[in-house]
Amino acid sequence: MKEIVIDVSEQGEVKIETRGFTGKACVEESKFLKDLLGKELSQQLIPAYYQTQTGKKKESVKKHLPLCG
């Protein structure tokens, strides 16, 4: 299962963590959040970033961000 986890600290610092993605898909699928939230201060890549997607069917991920109510 693919998910994007957003953690907001009491100081307002936002951390975005992707789970279930391989290769550069994690960066591509979370880009809309980075664009929405503003300047990126740091990035930490995990081993899944360096894996390749061999023979896997491309899945679409819904990008729905409920901002109101």
N, C-alpha and C. Protein backbone atom coordinates (compact mmCIF):
# COMPACT_ATOMS: atom_id res chain seq x y z
N MET A 1 0.84 -1.17 0.00
CA MET A 1 0.00 0.00 0.00
C MET A 1 0.89 1.25 0.00
N LYS A 2 0.56 2.18 -0.84
CA LYS A 2 1.33 3.42 -0.93
C LYS A 2 0.63 4.50 -0.12
N GLU A 3 1.41 5.23 0.66
CA GLU A 3 0.84 6.32 1.44
C GLU A 3 1.86 7.43 1.62
N ILE A 4 1.33 8.62 1.84
CA ILE A 4 2.16 9.79 2.15
C ILE A 4 1.72 10.27 3.53
N VAL A 5 2.65 10.29 4.46
CA VAL A 5 2.36 10.67 5.84
C VAL A 5 2.89 12.08 6.08
N ILE A 6 2.04 12.93 6.63
CA ILE A 6 2.41 14.32 6.90
C ILE A 6 2.37 14.53 8.41
N ASP A 7 3.47 15.01 8.97
CA ASP A 7 3.56 15.27 10.40
C ASP A 7 3.85 16.76 10.60
N VAL A 8 3.01 17.41 11.38
CA VAL A 8 3.20 18.84 11.66
C VAL A 8 3.53 18.98 13.14
N SER A 9 4.69 19.56 13.45
CA SER A 9 5.10 19.73 14.84
C SER A 9 4.39 20.93 15.46
N GLU A 10 4.51 21.06 16.76
CA GLU A 10 3.92 22.21 17.47
C GLU A 10 4.53 23.53 17.01
N GLN A 11 5.76 23.48 16.50
CA GLN A 11 6.44 24.68 16.00
C GLN A 11 6.06 24.99 14.55
N GLY A 12 5.24 24.15 13.94
CA GLY A 12 4.80 24.37 12.57
C GLY A 12 5.69 23.73 11.51
N GLU A 13 6.70 22.97 11.93
CA GLU A 13 7.57 22.28 10.98
C GLU A 13 6.81 21.09 10.40
N VAL A 14 6.85 20.95 9.08
CA VAL A 14 6.12 19.88 8.40
C VAL A 14 7.11 18.84 7.89
N LYS A 15 6.85 17.57 8.19
CA LYS A 15 7.67 16.48 7.67
C LYS A 15 6.77 15.60 6.81
N ILE A 16 7.27 15.25 5.64
CA ILE A 16 6.54 14.39 4.71
C ILE A 16 7.31 13.08 4.57
N GLU A 17 6.61 11.97 4.77
CA GLU A 17 7.23 10.65 4.65
C GLU A 17 6.41 9.83 3.67
N THR A 18 7.09 9.20 2.72
CA THR A 18 6.38 8.34 1.78
C THR A 18 6.65 6.89 2.14
N ARG A 19 5.63 6.05 1.96
CA ARG A 19 5.76 4.62 2.26
C ARG A 19 5.20 3.81 1.10
N GLY A 20 5.89 2.74 0.75
CA GLY A 20 5.41 1.85 -0.30
C GLY A 20 5.83 2.22 -1.71
N PHE A 21 6.60 3.26 -1.87
CA PHE A 21 7.08 3.68 -3.18
C PHE A 21 8.48 3.14 -3.41
N THR A 22 8.85 2.94 -4.68
CA THR A 22 10.23 2.58 -5.01
C THR A 22 10.73 3.54 -6.08
N GLY A 23 12.02 3.72 -6.09
CA GLY A 23 12.64 4.61 -7.07
C GLY A 23 12.24 6.06 -6.84
N LYS A 24 12.27 6.83 -7.91
CA LYS A 24 11.99 8.25 -7.83
C LYS A 24 10.51 8.56 -7.66
N ALA A 25 9.67 7.54 -7.68
CA ALA A 25 8.22 7.75 -7.55
C ALA A 25 7.87 8.45 -6.25
N CYS A 26 8.61 8.19 -5.18
CA CYS A 26 8.32 8.83 -3.90
C CYS A 26 8.45 10.35 -4.00
N VAL A 27 9.47 10.80 -4.68
CA VAL A 27 9.69 12.25 -4.85
C VAL A 27 8.64 12.84 -5.78
N GLU A 28 8.34 12.14 -6.87
CA GLU A 28 7.37 12.64 -7.85
C GLU A 28 5.96 12.73 -7.25
N GLU A 29 5.56 11.71 -6.50
CA GLU A 29 4.20 11.67 -5.95
C GLU A 29 3.99 12.64 -4.79
N SER A 30 5.05 13.04 -4.11
CA SER A 30 4.91 13.98 -2.99
C SER A 30 5.22 15.42 -3.40
N LYS A 31 5.60 15.63 -4.65
CA LYS A 31 5.97 16.97 -5.13
C LYS A 31 4.84 17.98 -4.96
N PHE A 32 3.61 17.57 -5.18
CA PHE A 32 2.49 18.51 -5.06
C PHE A 32 2.40 19.07 -3.65
N LEU A 33 2.75 18.28 -2.64
CA LEU A 33 2.73 18.78 -1.26
C LEU A 33 3.86 19.78 -1.04
N LYS A 34 5.02 19.49 -1.56
CA LYS A 34 6.15 20.40 -1.42
C LYS A 34 5.85 21.73 -2.08
N ASP A 35 5.22 21.66 -3.26
CA ASP A 35 4.84 22.89 -3.96
C ASP A 35 3.81 23.68 -3.17
N LEU A 36 2.90 23.00 -2.53
CA LEU A 36 1.85 23.64 -1.74
C LEU A 36 2.39 24.26 -0.46
N LEU A 37 3.32 23.57 0.19
CA LEU A 37 3.79 23.99 1.51
C LEU A 37 4.93 25.01 1.48
N GLY A 38 5.65 25.09 0.39
CA GLY A 38 6.72 26.08 0.31
C GLY A 38 8.11 25.50 0.28
N LYS A 39 9.06 26.25 0.78
CA LYS A 39 10.48 25.92 0.69
C LYS A 39 10.83 24.63 1.44
N GLU A 40 11.58 23.77 0.77
CA GLU A 40 12.06 22.53 1.37
C GLU A 40 13.40 22.81 2.05
N LEU A 41 13.51 22.47 3.33
CA LEU A 41 14.74 22.72 4.07
C LEU A 41 15.73 21.58 3.99
N SER A 42 15.24 20.35 3.93
CA SER A 42 16.13 19.20 3.81
C SER A 42 15.38 18.02 3.22
N GLN A 43 16.15 17.03 2.78
CA GLN A 43 15.56 15.83 2.20
C GLN A 43 16.42 14.65 2.62
N GLN A 44 15.77 13.58 3.08
CA GLN A 44 16.48 12.37 3.48
C GLN A 44 15.92 11.22 2.66
N LEU A 45 16.76 10.64 1.81
CA LEU A 45 16.32 9.54 0.94
C LEU A 45 16.60 8.21 1.63
N ILE A 46 15.63 7.28 1.52
CA ILE A 46 15.78 5.96 2.13
C ILE A 46 16.18 4.95 1.06
N PRO A 47 16.59 3.73 1.43
CA PRO A 47 17.03 2.75 0.43
C PRO A 47 16.02 2.47 -0.69
N ALA A 48 14.73 2.57 -0.42
CA ALA A 48 13.71 2.32 -1.45
C ALA A 48 13.85 3.29 -2.62
N TYR A 49 14.40 4.47 -2.40
CA TYR A 49 14.60 5.45 -3.47
C TYR A 49 15.56 4.89 -4.54
N TYR A 50 16.51 4.08 -4.12
CA TYR A 50 17.52 3.58 -5.03
C TYR A 50 17.13 2.26 -5.70
N GLN A 51 15.95 1.73 -5.38
CA GLN A 51 15.45 0.52 -6.01
C GLN A 51 14.81 0.85 -7.35
N THR A 52 14.84 -0.10 -8.26
CA THR A 52 14.22 0.12 -9.56
C THR A 52 12.89 -0.61 -9.61
N GLN A 53 12.02 -0.17 -10.48
CA GLN A 53 10.71 -0.78 -10.66
C GLN A 53 10.77 -1.70 -11.87
N THR A 54 11.19 -2.91 -11.70
CA THR A 54 11.29 -3.83 -12.82
C THR A 54 10.01 -4.64 -12.94
N GLY A 55 9.36 -4.52 -14.09
CA GLY A 55 8.19 -5.30 -14.37
C GLY A 55 6.95 -4.95 -13.58
N LYS A 56 6.96 -3.88 -12.86
CA LYS A 56 5.80 -3.50 -12.07
C LYS A 56 4.87 -2.60 -12.87
N LYS A 57 3.58 -2.83 -12.69
CA LYS A 57 2.58 -1.99 -13.34
C LYS A 57 2.50 -0.65 -12.61
N LYS A 58 2.45 0.42 -13.37
CA LYS A 58 2.37 1.74 -12.77
C LYS A 58 1.00 1.95 -12.16
N GLU A 59 0.98 2.35 -10.90
CA GLU A 59 -0.27 2.62 -10.20
C GLU A 59 -0.48 4.12 -10.11
N SER A 60 -1.72 4.53 -10.22
CA SER A 60 -2.00 5.95 -10.04
C SER A 60 -2.33 6.19 -8.57
N VAL A 61 -1.92 7.33 -8.08
CA VAL A 61 -2.16 7.69 -6.70
C VAL A 61 -3.05 8.92 -6.68
N LYS A 62 -4.13 8.83 -5.92
CA LYS A 62 -5.03 9.98 -5.83
C LYS A 62 -4.38 11.06 -5.00
N LYS A 63 -4.45 12.27 -5.50
CA LYS A 63 -3.87 13.41 -4.79
C LYS A 63 -5.00 14.30 -4.31
N HIS A 64 -5.59 13.93 -3.22
CA HIS A 64 -6.71 14.69 -2.66
C HIS A 64 -6.27 15.26 -1.32
N LEU A 65 -6.39 16.53 -1.18
CA LEU A 65 -5.99 17.20 0.05
C LEU A 65 -7.18 17.99 0.58
N PRO A 66 -7.91 17.43 1.55
CA PRO A 66 -9.07 18.15 2.08
C PRO A 66 -8.63 19.34 2.93
N LEU A 67 -8.82 20.53 2.43
CA LEU A 67 -8.36 21.72 3.14
C LEU A 67 -9.46 22.35 3.98
N CYS A 68 -10.71 22.08 3.67
CA CYS A 68 -11.82 22.71 4.41
C CYS A 68 -12.77 21.64 4.92
N GLY A 69 -13.27 21.87 6.14
CA GLY A 69 -14.31 21.04 6.74
C GLY A 69 -14.05 19.63 6.71
